[in-house]
Amino acid sequence: MSTSPRLTRAAAASLLALVAALVAAGCAGAGASTINGSGATFPKLFYEEAIAELEEVNDGIVVNYNAVGSGQGKKDLAAGITDWAGSDSLVKEDELDQFDRPFFYFPTVAAPITVSYNLPGITDLHLSQPTLAGIFMGEIDRWDDPAIAADNPDLDLPSEPITVAVRADGSGTTSNFSTYLSLAAPEVFTVSAGDTVQWPDAQAARGNAGVAQLIQETPGSIGYVDYSDAKPAGLTWAAIRNRSGNYVEPTLEAASAALAGTELSDQLTYVPLDAEGPDAYPITAPTYILVYQTYPDARLVDDLRTWLRWVLTEAQDVASVVDFARLPDRIREQALAQVDEIEVS
């Protein structure tokens, strides 16, 4: 199978970043070992905080994370470039043969995906499920469209075109947002959900931070951005109607409400999207660390176990500091039990 030039550049960029991290890790002290990860931009701030906290109390391990998007992170793990991957989306059936051995999913934190917009003077936009899907399908292309007006009877909406902002890279944020639209408005959202989506008409930027910047710079724009990037960027976001009929803003409390009723699969994956509950924010996304079930190196196995236990215990206490919702104890405890199943091959 041939590799596209774009994929080659992405993989090369990821590898170069990890080489630079390894060089820096060489200054961390004799005897320290390194584990390398790459992937989703969605949990970037949480992993960076967790890494910093771990290295303050354990100078025997250096953890690197290169936020290149969920799609690239999964590719890096499959190619042996990294030891672990961060991903907000699951590996598809037709991607499984890229991995040379079975792997585990470890849920880590969750957070809202905001629907952020740039409409000067309007700060309390409400969007129902079919209206939101219609905007991203290109069927609603002006801000004073009757569907938006019906959701916002008290707003004086401008007669301006809508610019839709989306991710240019393979993204778990895109996967979760598009999956939400497919669940909440299947009659309107008629394209396939996934890490990449064939949006009918949109402008694209790389990473959550890139989409946030695109929205900031484009009056009349709307796009999906994770909460931990939207909040520091000062973006304005919409309240989204949930299954109970309530318009709910993206907050950590509303994300926790969405997690409350979720069920874990046998793989420890779960779907908090379009969750039941009057206070649940409907576009709440999970994120995972992917690791192989076996590794040939015993020290690597020990280091991965140390990292995962830290993420699932002490690091949960700092999740809210960087705008993520911690895992419910019932999910966290099952994930902790799975750590011991990582073995030396």
C-alpha atoms as a PDB file:
ATOM      1  CA  MET A   1       0.000   0.000   0.000  1.00  0.00           C
ATOM      2  CA  SER A   2       1.413   3.392  -0.958  1.00  0.00           C
ATOM      3  CA  THR A   3       1.661   6.200   1.603  1.00  0.00           C
ATOM      4  CA  SER A   4       0.358   9.638   0.725  1.00  0.00           C
ATOM      5  CA  PRO A   5       2.766  12.595   0.887  1.00  0.00           C
ATOM      6  CA  ARG A   6       0.579  14.227   3.542  1.00  0.00           C
ATOM      7  CA  LEU A   7       0.747  11.152   5.780  1.00  0.00           C
ATOM      8  CA  THR A   8       4.503  10.921   5.268  1.00  0.00           C
ATOM      9  CA  ARG A   9       4.970  14.545   6.339  1.00  0.00           C
ATOM     10  CA  ALA A  10       2.725  14.042   9.382  1.00  0.00           C
ATOM     11  CA  ALA A  11       4.561  10.919  10.484  1.00  0.00           C
ATOM     12  CA  ALA A  12       7.928  12.575   9.908  1.00  0.00           C
ATOM     13  CA  ALA A  13       6.900  15.634  11.908  1.00  0.00           C
ATOM     14  CA  SER A  14       5.733  13.415  14.751  1.00  0.00           C
ATOM     15  CA  LEU A  15       8.984  11.448  14.721  1.00  0.00           C
ATOM     16  CA  LEU A  16      11.110  14.619  14.677  1.00  0.00           C
ATOM     17  CA  ALA A  17       9.209  16.029  17.645  1.00  0.00           C
ATOM     18  CA  LEU A  18       9.786  12.848  19.606  1.00  0.00           C
ATOM     19  CA  VAL A  19      13.497  12.848  18.743  1.00  0.00           C
ATOM     20  CA  ALA A  20      13.719  16.397  20.097  1.00  0.00           C
ATOM     21  CA  ALA A  21      11.925  15.286  23.256  1.00  0.00           C
ATOM     22  CA  LEU A  22      14.359  12.410  23.685  1.00  0.00           C
ATOM     23  CA  VAL A  23      17.299  14.774  23.387  1.00  0.00           C
ATOM     24  CA  ALA A  24      15.749  16.982  26.057  1.00  0.00           C
ATOM     25  CA  ALA A  25      15.068  13.931  28.208  1.00  0.00           C
ATOM     26  CA  GLY A  26      18.767  13.156  28.168  1.00  0.00           C
ATOM     27  CA  CYS A  27      19.210  16.147  30.444  1.00  0.00           C
ATOM     28  CA  ALA A  28      16.731  14.784  32.976  1.00  0.00           C
ATOM     29  CA  GLY A  29      19.293  12.791  34.900  1.00  0.00           C
ATOM     30  CA  ALA A  30      21.211   9.567  34.631  1.00  0.00           C
ATOM     31  CA  GLY A  31      19.115   6.430  34.984  1.00  0.00           C
ATOM     32  CA  ALA A  32      15.803   8.004  33.985  1.00  0.00           C
ATOM     33  CA  SER A  33      13.826   6.063  31.403  1.00  0.00           C
ATOM     34  CA  THR A  34      11.521   7.553  28.796  1.00  0.00           C
ATOM     35  CA  ILE A  35       8.107   6.633  27.451  1.00  0.00           C
ATOM     36  CA  ASN A  36       6.837   8.446  24.385  1.00  0.00           C
ATOM     37  CA  GLY A  37       3.263   9.161  23.415  1.00  0.00           C
ATOM     38  CA  SER A  38       1.465  11.138  20.741  1.00  0.00           C
ATOM     39  CA  GLY A  39      -2.091  11.816  19.690  1.00  0.00           C
ATOM     40  CA  ALA A  40      -5.149  13.859  20.543  1.00  0.00           C
ATOM     41  CA  THR A  41      -4.935  17.606  21.052  1.00  0.00           C
ATOM     42  CA  PHE A  42      -8.143  17.442  23.129  1.00  0.00           C
ATOM     43  CA  PRO A  43      -6.428  16.171  26.364  1.00  0.00           C
ATOM     44  CA  LYS A  44      -3.098  17.929  25.718  1.00  0.00           C
ATOM     45  CA  LEU A  45      -3.310  20.294  28.690  1.00  0.00           C
ATOM     46  CA  PHE A  46      -4.317  17.511  31.066  1.00  0.00           C
ATOM     47  CA  TYR A  47      -1.474  15.215  30.010  1.00  0.00           C
ATOM     48  CA  GLU A  48       1.048  18.045  30.216  1.00  0.00           C
ATOM     49  CA  GLU A  49      -0.104  18.859  33.756  1.00  0.00           C
ATOM     50  CA  ALA A  50      -0.107  15.191  34.760  1.00  0.00           C
ATOM     51  CA  ILE A  51       3.404  14.721  33.338  1.00  0.00           C
ATOM     52  CA  ALA A  52       4.739  17.770  35.179  1.00  0.00           C
ATOM     53  CA  GLU A  53       3.217  16.591  38.468  1.00  0.00           C
ATOM     54  CA  LEU A  54       4.588  13.050  38.048  1.00  0.00           C
ATOM     55  CA  GLU A  55       8.116  14.187  37.277  1.00  0.00           C
ATOM     56  CA  GLU A  56       8.128  16.300  40.445  1.00  0.00           C
ATOM     57  CA  VAL A  57       7.803  13.171  42.584  1.00  0.00           C
ATOM     58  CA  ASN A  58       9.458  10.547  40.361  1.00  0.00           C
ATOM     59  CA  ASP A  59      12.776  11.404  38.715  1.00  0.00           C
ATOM     60  CA  GLY A  60      13.160   7.877  37.352  1.00  0.00           C
ATOM     61  CA  ILE A  61      10.724   8.357  34.476  1.00  0.00           C
ATOM     62  CA  VAL A  62      10.349  10.906  31.674  1.00  0.00           C
ATOM     63  CA  VAL A  63       6.999  11.000  29.853  1.00  0.00           C
ATOM     64  CA  ASN A  64       6.707  12.780  26.500  1.00  0.00           C
ATOM     65  CA  TYR A  65       3.507  13.651  24.660  1.00  0.00           C
ATOM     66  CA  ASN A  66       3.262  15.105  21.165  1.00  0.00           C
ATOM     67  CA  ALA A  67      -0.246  16.464  20.421  1.00  0.00           C
ATOM     68  CA  VAL A  68      -0.658  15.726  16.706  1.00  0.00           C
ATOM     69  CA  GLY A  69      -4.304  14.601  16.597  1.00  0.00           C
ATOM     70  CA  SER A  70      -5.980  11.300  17.444  1.00  0.00           C
ATOM     71  CA  GLY A  71      -5.623   9.908  13.938  1.00  0.00           C
ATOM     72  CA  GLN A  72      -1.866  10.436  13.820  1.00  0.00           C
ATOM     73  CA  GLY A  73      -1.451   9.201  17.392  1.00  0.00           C
ATOM     74  CA  LYS A  74      -3.040   5.862  16.521  1.00  0.00           C
ATOM     75  CA  LYS A  75      -0.848   5.620  13.423  1.00  0.00           C
ATOM     76  CA  ASP A  76       2.273   6.373  15.487  1.00  0.00           C
ATOM     77  CA  LEU A  77       1.494   3.600  17.971  1.00  0.00           C
ATOM     78  CA  ALA A  78       0.740   1.129  15.191  1.00  0.00           C
ATOM     79  CA  ALA A  79       4.006   2.022  13.421  1.00  0.00           C
ATOM     80  CA  GLY A  80       6.090   1.587  16.579  1.00  0.00           C
ATOM     81  CA  ILE A  81       7.063   5.268  16.694  1.00  0.00           C
ATOM     82  CA  THR A  82       5.548   5.671  20.174  1.00  0.00           C
ATOM     83  CA  ASP A  83       4.878   3.563  23.274  1.00  0.00           C
ATOM     84  CA  TRP A  84       1.370   4.893  23.908  1.00  0.00           C
ATOM     85  CA  ALA A  85      -1.264   6.917  22.100  1.00  0.00           C
ATOM     86  CA  GLY A  86      -3.814   9.510  23.141  1.00  0.00           C
ATOM     87  CA  SER A  87      -7.101   9.296  21.297  1.00  0.00           C
ATOM     88  CA  ASP A  88     -10.625  10.629  21.687  1.00  0.00           C
ATOM     89  CA  SER A  89     -11.904   8.102  19.141  1.00  0.00           C
ATOM     90  CA  LEU A  90     -11.807   4.327  18.883  1.00  0.00           C
ATOM     91  CA  VAL A  91      -9.863   2.288  16.357  1.00  0.00           C
ATOM     92  CA  LYS A  92     -12.163   1.248  13.524  1.00  0.00           C
ATOM     93  CA  GLU A  93     -12.535  -2.373  12.475  1.00  0.00           C
ATOM     94  CA  ASP A  94     -10.758  -1.754   9.178  1.00  0.00           C
ATOM     95  CA  GLU A  95      -7.801  -0.187  11.051  1.00  0.00           C
ATOM     96  CA  LEU A  96      -7.164  -3.093  13.416  1.00  0.00           C
ATOM     97  CA  ASP A  97      -4.826  -4.888  11.021  1.00  0.00           C
ATOM     98  CA  GLN A  98      -2.407  -1.944  11.283  1.00  0.00           C
ATOM     99  CA  PHE A  99      -1.589  -3.047  14.859  1.00  0.00           C
ATOM    100  CA  ASP A 100       0.674  -6.051  15.286  1.00  0.00           C
ATOM    101  CA  ARG A 101      -0.850  -7.110  18.638  1.00  0.00           C
ATOM    102  CA  PRO A 102      -3.874  -6.438  20.861  1.00  0.00           C
ATOM    103  CA  PHE A 103      -4.147  -3.178  22.796  1.00  0.00           C
ATOM    104  CA  PHE A 104      -6.059  -1.754  25.744  1.00  0.00           C
ATOM    105  CA  TYR A 105      -8.169   1.395  26.061  1.00  0.00           C
ATOM    106  CA  PHE A 106      -7.718   3.348  29.297  1.00  0.00           C
ATOM    107  CA  PRO A 107     -10.300   6.120  29.858  1.00  0.00           C
ATOM    108  CA  THR A 108      -8.630   9.141  31.459  1.00  0.00           C
ATOM    109  CA  VAL A 109     -10.799  12.301  31.640  1.00  0.00           C
ATOM    110  CA  ALA A 110     -13.734  13.866  29.793  1.00  0.00           C
ATOM    111  CA  ALA A 111     -14.702  17.379  28.741  1.00  0.00           C
ATOM    112  CA  PRO A 112     -17.270  19.311  26.745  1.00  0.00           C
ATOM    113  CA  ILE A 113     -16.818  20.097  23.074  1.00  0.00           C
ATOM    114  CA  THR A 114     -18.039  23.644  22.686  1.00  0.00           C
ATOM    115  CA  VAL A 115     -19.920  25.041  19.719  1.00  0.00           C
ATOM    116  CA  SER A 116     -18.096  28.352  19.612  1.00  0.00           C
ATOM    117  CA  TYR A 117     -19.048  31.284  17.414  1.00  0.00           C
ATOM    118  CA  ASN A 118     -18.074  34.840  16.512  1.00  0.00           C
ATOM    119  CA  LEU A 119     -21.096  37.144  16.461  1.00  0.00           C
ATOM    120  CA  PRO A 120     -20.271  40.541  18.011  1.00  0.00           C
ATOM    121  CA  GLY A 121     -22.949  41.588  20.482  1.00  0.00           C
ATOM    122  CA  ILE A 122     -24.533  38.129  20.806  1.00  0.00           C
ATOM    123  CA  THR A 123     -23.480  36.079  23.808  1.00  0.00           C
ATOM    124  CA  ASP A 124     -26.460  33.846  24.590  1.00  0.00           C
ATOM    125  CA  LEU A 125     -27.094  31.828  21.435  1.00  0.00           C
ATOM    126  CA  HIS A 126     -29.222  28.682  21.761  1.00  0.00           C
ATOM    127  CA  LEU A 127     -29.105  25.857  19.226  1.00  0.00           C
ATOM    128  CA  SER A 128     -31.354  22.824  18.970  1.00  0.00           C
ATOM    129  CA  GLN A 129     -30.081  19.525  17.605  1.00  0.00           C
ATOM    130  CA  PRO A 130     -31.527  19.796  14.062  1.00  0.00           C
ATOM    131  CA  THR A 131     -30.505  23.452  13.772  1.00  0.00           C
ATOM    132  CA  LEU A 132     -26.918  22.648  14.743  1.00  0.00           C
ATOM    133  CA  ALA A 133     -26.774  19.765  12.274  1.00  0.00           C
ATOM    134  CA  GLY A 134     -28.296  21.958   9.566  1.00  0.00           C
ATOM    135  CA  ILE A 135     -25.569  24.571  10.044  1.00  0.00           C
ATOM    136  CA  PHE A 136     -22.760  22.029   9.693  1.00  0.00           C
ATOM    137  CA  MET A 137     -24.465  20.360   6.729  1.00  0.00           C
ATOM    138  CA  GLY A 138     -24.600  23.717   4.954  1.00  0.00           C
ATOM    139  CA  GLU A 139     -28.387  23.733   4.808  1.00  0.00           C
ATOM    140  CA  ILE A 140     -28.567  26.739   7.162  1.00  0.00           C
ATOM    141  CA  ASP A 141     -26.127  29.288   5.791  1.00  0.00           C
ATOM    142  CA  ARG A 142     -27.242  32.645   7.224  1.00  0.00           C
ATOM    143  CA  TRP A 143     -27.481  33.765  10.823  1.00  0.00           C
ATOM    144  CA  ASP A 144     -31.045  35.052  10.481  1.00  0.00           C
ATOM    145  CA  ASP A 145     -32.310  31.734   9.112  1.00  0.00           C
ATOM    146  CA  PRO A 146     -35.796  30.898  10.471  1.00  0.00           C
ATOM    147  CA  ALA A 147     -34.490  27.780  12.246  1.00  0.00           C
ATOM    148  CA  ILE A 148     -31.928  29.777  14.264  1.00  0.00           C
ATOM    149  CA  ALA A 149     -34.531  32.486  14.896  1.00  0.00           C
ATOM    150  CA  ALA A 150     -36.965  29.873  16.235  1.00  0.00           C
ATOM    151  CA  ASP A 151     -34.338  28.705  18.746  1.00  0.00           C
ATOM    152  CA  ASN A 152     -33.631  32.334  19.724  1.00  0.00           C
ATOM    153  CA  PRO A 153     -36.881  34.342  19.655  1.00  0.00           C
ATOM    154  CA  ASP A 154     -35.424  37.121  21.816  1.00  0.00           C
ATOM    155  CA  LEU A 155     -32.283  37.717  19.738  1.00  0.00           C
ATOM    156  CA  ASP A 156     -31.844  40.217  16.923  1.00  0.00           C
ATOM    157  CA  LEU A 157     -29.866  37.989  14.571  1.00  0.00           C
ATOM    158  CA  PRO A 158     -27.740  39.586  11.839  1.00  0.00           C
ATOM    159  CA  SER A 159     -28.391  38.931   8.160  1.00  0.00           C
ATOM    160  CA  GLU A 160     -24.885  37.595   7.578  1.00  0.00           C
ATOM    161  CA  PRO A 161     -23.515  34.432   6.009  1.00  0.00           C
ATOM    162  CA  ILE A 162     -22.308  31.649   8.293  1.00  0.00           C
ATOM    163  CA  THR A 163     -18.719  30.411   8.019  1.00  0.00           C
ATOM    164  CA  VAL A 164     -18.306  26.882   9.352  1.00  0.00           C
ATOM    165  CA  ALA A 165     -14.913  26.096  10.949  1.00  0.00           C
ATOM    166  CA  VAL A 166     -13.736  22.472  11.220  1.00  0.00           C
ATOM    167  CA  ARG A 167     -10.586  20.420  11.777  1.00  0.00           C
ATOM    168  CA  ALA A 168      -8.186  19.834   8.889  1.00  0.00           C
ATOM    169  CA  ASP A 169      -6.447  16.888  10.578  1.00  0.00           C
ATOM    170  CA  GLY A 170      -7.760  13.480  11.619  1.00  0.00           C
ATOM    171  CA  SER A 171      -9.299  14.236  14.979  1.00  0.00           C
ATOM    172  CA  GLY A 172     -11.090  12.553  17.846  1.00  0.00           C
ATOM    173  CA  THR A 173     -12.812  15.879  18.481  1.00  0.00           C
ATOM    174  CA  THR A 174     -14.241  15.653  14.969  1.00  0.00           C
ATOM    175  CA  SER A 175     -15.201  12.031  15.578  1.00  0.00           C
ATOM    176  CA  ASN A 176     -17.070  12.843  18.781  1.00  0.00           C
ATOM    177  CA  PHE A 177     -18.749  15.960  17.399  1.00  0.00           C
ATOM    178  CA  SER A 178     -19.868  14.241  14.201  1.00  0.00           C
ATOM    179  CA  THR A 179     -21.003  11.164  16.144  1.00  0.00           C
ATOM    180  CA  TYR A 180     -23.093  13.445  18.327  1.00  0.00           C
ATOM    181  CA  LEU A 181     -24.770  14.949  15.265  1.00  0.00           C
ATOM    182  CA  SER A 182     -25.465  11.471  13.889  1.00  0.00           C
ATOM    183  CA  LEU A 183     -27.104  10.471  17.194  1.00  0.00           C
ATOM    184  CA  ALA A 184     -29.033  13.676  17.897  1.00  0.00           C
ATOM    185  CA  ALA A 185     -30.142  14.670  14.370  1.00  0.00           C
ATOM    186  CA  PRO A 186     -29.816  11.645  12.060  1.00  0.00           C
ATOM    187  CA  GLU A 187     -32.385  12.992   9.603  1.00  0.00           C
ATOM    188  CA  VAL A 188     -30.280  16.103   8.994  1.00  0.00           C
ATOM    189  CA  PHE A 189     -26.707  14.884   9.441  1.00  0.00           C
ATOM    190  CA  THR A 190     -26.438  12.504   6.488  1.00  0.00           C
ATOM    191  CA  VAL A 191     -22.676  12.126   5.998  1.00  0.00           C
ATOM    192  CA  SER A 192     -20.445   9.595   7.768  1.00  0.00           C
ATOM    193  CA  ALA A 193     -19.097  10.423  11.209  1.00  0.00           C
ATOM    194  CA  GLY A 194     -15.433   9.802  11.987  1.00  0.00           C
ATOM    195  CA  ASP A 195     -11.993  11.283  12.584  1.00  0.00           C
ATOM    196  CA  THR A 196     -12.397  13.023   9.223  1.00  0.00           C
ATOM    197  CA  VAL A 197     -15.723  14.151   7.761  1.00  0.00           C
ATOM    198  CA  GLN A 198     -16.727  15.303   4.296  1.00  0.00           C
ATOM    199  CA  TRP A 199     -18.259  18.570   5.472  1.00  0.00           C
ATOM    200  CA  PRO A 200     -20.279  20.102   2.625  1.00  0.00           C
ATOM    201  CA  ASP A 201     -18.786  23.617   2.933  1.00  0.00           C
ATOM    202  CA  ALA A 202     -16.291  24.653   5.595  1.00  0.00           C
ATOM    203  CA  GLN A 203     -12.970  26.286   6.380  1.00  0.00           C
ATOM    204  CA  ALA A 204     -10.439  24.043   8.106  1.00  0.00           C
ATOM    205  CA  ALA A 205      -7.574  24.481  10.563  1.00  0.00           C
ATOM    206  CA  ARG A 206      -5.238  22.055  12.323  1.00  0.00           C
ATOM    207  CA  GLY A 207      -5.812  21.193  15.969  1.00  0.00           C
ATOM    208  CA  ASN A 208      -8.348  22.542  18.435  1.00  0.00           C
ATOM    209  CA  ALA A 209      -6.184  25.636  18.895  1.00  0.00           C
ATOM    210  CA  GLY A 210      -6.177  26.204  15.141  1.00  0.00           C
ATOM    211  CA  VAL A 211      -9.975  26.075  14.921  1.00  0.00           C
ATOM    212  CA  ALA A 212     -10.206  28.413  17.924  1.00  0.00           C
ATOM    213  CA  GLN A 213      -7.949  30.914  16.166  1.00  0.00           C
ATOM    214  CA  LEU A 214      -9.930  30.608  12.937  1.00  0.00           C
ATOM    215  CA  ILE A 215     -13.140  31.447  14.803  1.00  0.00           C
ATOM    216  CA  GLN A 216     -11.492  34.392  16.574  1.00  0.00           C
ATOM    217  CA  GLU A 217     -10.345  35.847  13.266  1.00  0.00           C
ATOM    218  CA  THR A 218     -13.549  35.255  11.279  1.00  0.00           C
ATOM    219  CA  PRO A 219     -16.701  37.254  12.102  1.00  0.00           C
ATOM    220  CA  GLY A 220     -19.812  35.209  11.404  1.00  0.00           C
ATOM    221  CA  SER A 221     -18.022  31.910  12.022  1.00  0.00           C
ATOM    222  CA  ILE A 222     -19.019  28.879  14.078  1.00  0.00           C
ATOM    223  CA  GLY A 223     -17.054  25.741  14.865  1.00  0.00           C
ATOM    224  CA  TYR A 224     -16.426  22.957  17.358  1.00  0.00           C
ATOM    225  CA  VAL A 225     -13.574  23.426  19.858  1.00  0.00           C
ATOM    226  CA  ASP A 226     -12.761  21.520  23.020  1.00  0.00           C
ATOM    227  CA  TYR A 227     -13.523  23.368  26.253  1.00  0.00           C
ATOM    228  CA  SER A 228      -9.888  23.536  27.427  1.00  0.00           C
ATOM    229  CA  ASP A 229      -8.913  25.471  24.277  1.00  0.00           C
ATOM    230  CA  ALA A 230     -12.099  27.518  23.897  1.00  0.00           C
ATOM    231  CA  LYS A 231     -12.045  28.861  27.457  1.00  0.00           C
ATOM    232  CA  PRO A 232      -8.503  30.376  27.492  1.00  0.00           C
ATOM    233  CA  ALA A 233      -9.062  31.695  23.965  1.00  0.00           C
ATOM    234  CA  GLY A 234     -12.025  33.701  25.282  1.00  0.00           C
ATOM    235  CA  LEU A 235     -14.443  32.220  22.756  1.00  0.00           C
ATOM    236  CA  THR A 236     -18.195  32.620  23.051  1.00  0.00           C
ATOM    237  CA  TRP A 237     -20.154  29.359  22.898  1.00  0.00           C
ATOM    238  CA  ALA A 238     -23.748  28.299  22.391  1.00  0.00           C
ATOM    239  CA  ALA A 239     -26.050  26.481  24.765  1.00  0.00           C
ATOM    240  CA  ILE A 240     -27.092  23.198  23.116  1.00  0.00           C
ATOM    241  CA  ARG A 241     -30.471  21.543  23.619  1.00  0.00           C
ATOM    242  CA  ASN A 242     -30.141  18.134  25.271  1.00  0.00           C
ATOM    243  CA  ARG A 243     -32.387  15.075  25.220  1.00  0.00           C
ATOM    244  CA  SER A 244     -34.473  16.490  28.077  1.00  0.00           C
ATOM    245  CA  GLY A 245     -35.217  19.603  26.034  1.00  0.00           C
ATOM    246  CA  ASN A 246     -33.036  21.903  28.122  1.00  0.00           C
ATOM    247  CA  TYR A 247     -30.476  24.285  26.640  1.00  0.00           C
ATOM    248  CA  VAL A 248     -27.224  23.566  28.505  1.00  0.00           C
ATOM    249  CA  GLU A 249     -23.909  25.385  28.318  1.00  0.00           C
ATOM    250  CA  PRO A 250     -20.593  23.505  28.278  1.00  0.00           C
ATOM    251  CA  THR A 251     -19.307  23.330  31.861  1.00  0.00           C
ATOM    252  CA  LEU A 252     -17.424  20.709  33.834  1.00  0.00           C
ATOM    253  CA  GLU A 253     -20.501  20.197  35.992  1.00  0.00           C
ATOM    254  CA  ALA A 254     -22.639  19.561  32.910  1.00  0.00           C
ATOM    255  CA  ALA A 255     -19.971  17.178  31.565  1.00  0.00           C
ATOM    256  CA  SER A 256     -19.991  15.263  34.863  1.00  0.00           C
ATOM    257  CA  ALA A 257     -23.779  15.028  34.618  1.00  0.00           C
ATOM    258  CA  ALA A 258     -23.373  13.445  31.186  1.00  0.00           C
ATOM    259  CA  LEU A 259     -20.890  10.893  32.581  1.00  0.00           C
ATOM    260  CA  ALA A 260     -23.171   9.882  35.432  1.00  0.00           C
ATOM    261  CA  GLY A 261     -25.361   7.529  33.446  1.00  0.00           C
ATOM    262  CA  THR A 262     -22.859   6.049  31.012  1.00  0.00           C
ATOM    263  CA  GLU A 263     -22.056   2.349  30.848  1.00  0.00           C
ATOM    264  CA  LEU A 264     -18.637   0.830  30.216  1.00  0.00           C
ATOM    265  CA  SER A 265     -18.134  -1.716  27.461  1.00  0.00           C
ATOM    266  CA  ASP A 266     -15.933  -4.771  27.970  1.00  0.00           C
ATOM    267  CA  GLN A 267     -13.107  -2.738  26.393  1.00  0.00           C
ATOM    268  CA  LEU A 268     -13.634   0.059  28.963  1.00  0.00           C
ATOM    269  CA  THR A 269     -14.985   2.440  26.316  1.00  0.00           C
ATOM    270  CA  TYR A 270     -18.137   4.487  26.843  1.00  0.00           C
ATOM    271  CA  VAL A 271     -20.331   7.042  25.051  1.00  0.00           C
ATOM    272  CA  PRO A 272     -21.394  10.140  27.036  1.00  0.00           C
ATOM    273  CA  LEU A 273     -22.626  11.853  23.843  1.00  0.00           C
ATOM    274  CA  ASP A 274     -26.335  12.758  23.715  1.00  0.00           C
ATOM    275  CA  ALA A 275     -26.648  11.547  27.310  1.00  0.00           C
ATOM    276  CA  GLU A 276     -29.859  11.411  29.293  1.00  0.00           C
ATOM    277  CA  GLY A 277     -30.402  13.807  32.174  1.00  0.00           C
ATOM    278  CA  PRO A 278     -31.789  17.339  32.536  1.00  0.00           C
ATOM    279  CA  ASP A 279     -28.396  18.846  33.402  1.00  0.00           C
ATOM    280  CA  ALA A 280     -26.223  16.876  30.960  1.00  0.00           C
ATOM    281  CA  TYR A 281     -24.255  18.771  28.334  1.00  0.00           C
ATOM    282  CA  PRO A 282     -24.944  16.675  25.227  1.00  0.00           C
ATOM    283  CA  ILE A 283     -21.560  17.045  23.463  1.00  0.00           C
ATOM    284  CA  THR A 284     -19.381  15.615  26.225  1.00  0.00           C
ATOM    285  CA  ALA A 285     -16.409  13.656  24.917  1.00  0.00           C
ATOM    286  CA  PRO A 286     -14.282  10.922  26.472  1.00  0.00           C
ATOM    287  CA  THR A 287     -10.592  10.464  25.809  1.00  0.00           C
ATOM    288  CA  TYR A 288      -8.352   7.427  26.137  1.00  0.00           C
ATOM    289  CA  ILE A 289      -4.776   6.254  26.402  1.00  0.00           C
ATOM    290  CA  LEU A 290      -4.057   3.296  24.136  1.00  0.00           C
ATOM    291  CA  VAL A 291      -1.294   0.862  25.069  1.00  0.00           C
ATOM    292  CA  TYR A 292      -0.425  -2.590  23.835  1.00  0.00           C
ATOM    293  CA  GLN A 293      -1.320  -5.534  26.033  1.00  0.00           C
ATOM    294  CA  THR A 294       2.267  -6.802  25.845  1.00  0.00           C
ATOM    295  CA  TYR A 295       5.722  -5.277  25.369  1.00  0.00           C
ATOM    296  CA  PRO A 296       9.098  -7.034  25.077  1.00  0.00           C
ATOM    297  CA  ASP A 297      10.809  -4.750  27.596  1.00  0.00           C
ATOM    298  CA  ALA A 298      10.091  -5.189  31.320  1.00  0.00           C
ATOM    299  CA  ARG A 299      11.152  -1.662  32.267  1.00  0.00           C
ATOM    300  CA  LEU A 300       8.855  -0.187  29.625  1.00  0.00           C
ATOM    301  CA  VAL A 301       5.971  -2.196  31.060  1.00  0.00           C
ATOM    302  CA  ASP A 302       6.785  -0.917  34.566  1.00  0.00           C
ATOM    303  CA  ASP A 303       6.972   2.687  33.314  1.00  0.00           C
ATOM    304  CA  LEU A 304       3.672   2.451  31.452  1.00  0.00           C
ATOM    305  CA  ARG A 305       2.013   1.009  34.555  1.00  0.00           C
ATOM    306  CA  THR A 306       3.455   3.861  36.645  1.00  0.00           C
ATOM    307  CA  TRP A 307       2.183   6.470  34.167  1.00  0.00           C
ATOM    308  CA  LEU A 308      -1.286   4.969  33.891  1.00  0.00           C
ATOM    309  CA  ARG A 309      -1.709   4.569  37.652  1.00  0.00           C
ATOM    310  CA  TRP A 310      -0.695   8.205  38.091  1.00  0.00           C
ATOM    311  CA  VAL A 311      -3.193   9.415  35.468  1.00  0.00           C
ATOM    312  CA  LEU A 312      -5.961   7.394  37.140  1.00  0.00           C
ATOM    313  CA  THR A 313      -5.178   8.456  40.731  1.00  0.00           C
ATOM    314  CA  GLU A 314      -3.302  11.619  41.752  1.00  0.00           C
ATOM    315  CA  ALA A 315      -3.643  13.302  38.346  1.00  0.00           C
ATOM    316  CA  GLN A 316      -7.441  13.130  38.593  1.00  0.00           C
ATOM    317  CA  ASP A 317      -7.197  15.766  41.325  1.00  0.00           C
ATOM    318  CA  VAL A 318      -5.722  18.313  38.904  1.00  0.00           C
ATOM    319  CA  ALA A 319      -8.131  17.604  36.032  1.00  0.00           C
ATOM    320  CA  SER A 320     -10.470  20.479  36.859  1.00  0.00           C
ATOM    321  CA  VAL A 321      -7.528  22.898  37.131  1.00  0.00           C
ATOM    322  CA  VAL A 322      -6.983  22.504  33.384  1.00  0.00           C
ATOM    323  CA  ASP A 323     -10.712  22.305  32.572  1.00  0.00           C
ATOM    324  CA  PHE A 324     -11.415  18.583  32.419  1.00  0.00           C
ATOM    325  CA  ALA A 325     -13.952  16.462  34.272  1.00  0.00           C
ATOM    326  CA  ARG A 326     -12.473  13.649  36.353  1.00  0.00           C
ATOM    327  CA  LEU A 327     -13.651  10.079  35.832  1.00  0.00           C
ATOM    328  CA  PRO A 328     -16.426   8.698  38.021  1.00  0.00           C
ATOM    329  CA  ASP A 329     -14.940   6.278  40.566  1.00  0.00           C
ATOM    330  CA  ARG A 330     -16.687   3.263  39.020  1.00  0.00           C
ATOM    331  CA  ILE A 331     -14.913   3.893  35.676  1.00  0.00           C
ATOM    332  CA  ARG A 332     -11.599   4.818  37.261  1.00  0.00           C
ATOM    333  CA  GLU A 333     -11.500   1.674  39.415  1.00  0.00           C
ATOM    334  CA  GLN A 334     -12.086  -0.643  36.459  1.00  0.00           C
ATOM    335  CA  ALA A 335      -9.366   1.127  34.493  1.00  0.00           C
ATOM    336  CA  LEU A 336      -6.950   0.783  37.435  1.00  0.00           C
ATOM    337  CA  ALA A 337      -7.638  -2.947  37.616  1.00  0.00           C
ATOM    338  CA  GLN A 338      -6.714  -3.273  33.937  1.00  0.00           C
ATOM    339  CA  VAL A 339      -3.254  -1.717  34.471  1.00  0.00           C
ATOM    340  CA  ASP A 340      -1.921  -4.982  35.905  1.00  0.00           C
ATOM    341  CA  GLU A 341      -2.933  -6.804  32.720  1.00  0.00           C
ATOM    342  CA  ILE A 342      -0.142  -5.105  30.731  1.00  0.00           C
ATOM    343  CA  GLU A 343       2.531  -7.800  30.582  1.00  0.00           C
ATOM    344  CA  VAL A 344       6.014  -8.583  29.294  1.00  0.00           C
ATOM    345  CA  SER A 345       5.914 -10.671  26.133  1.00  0.00           C
END
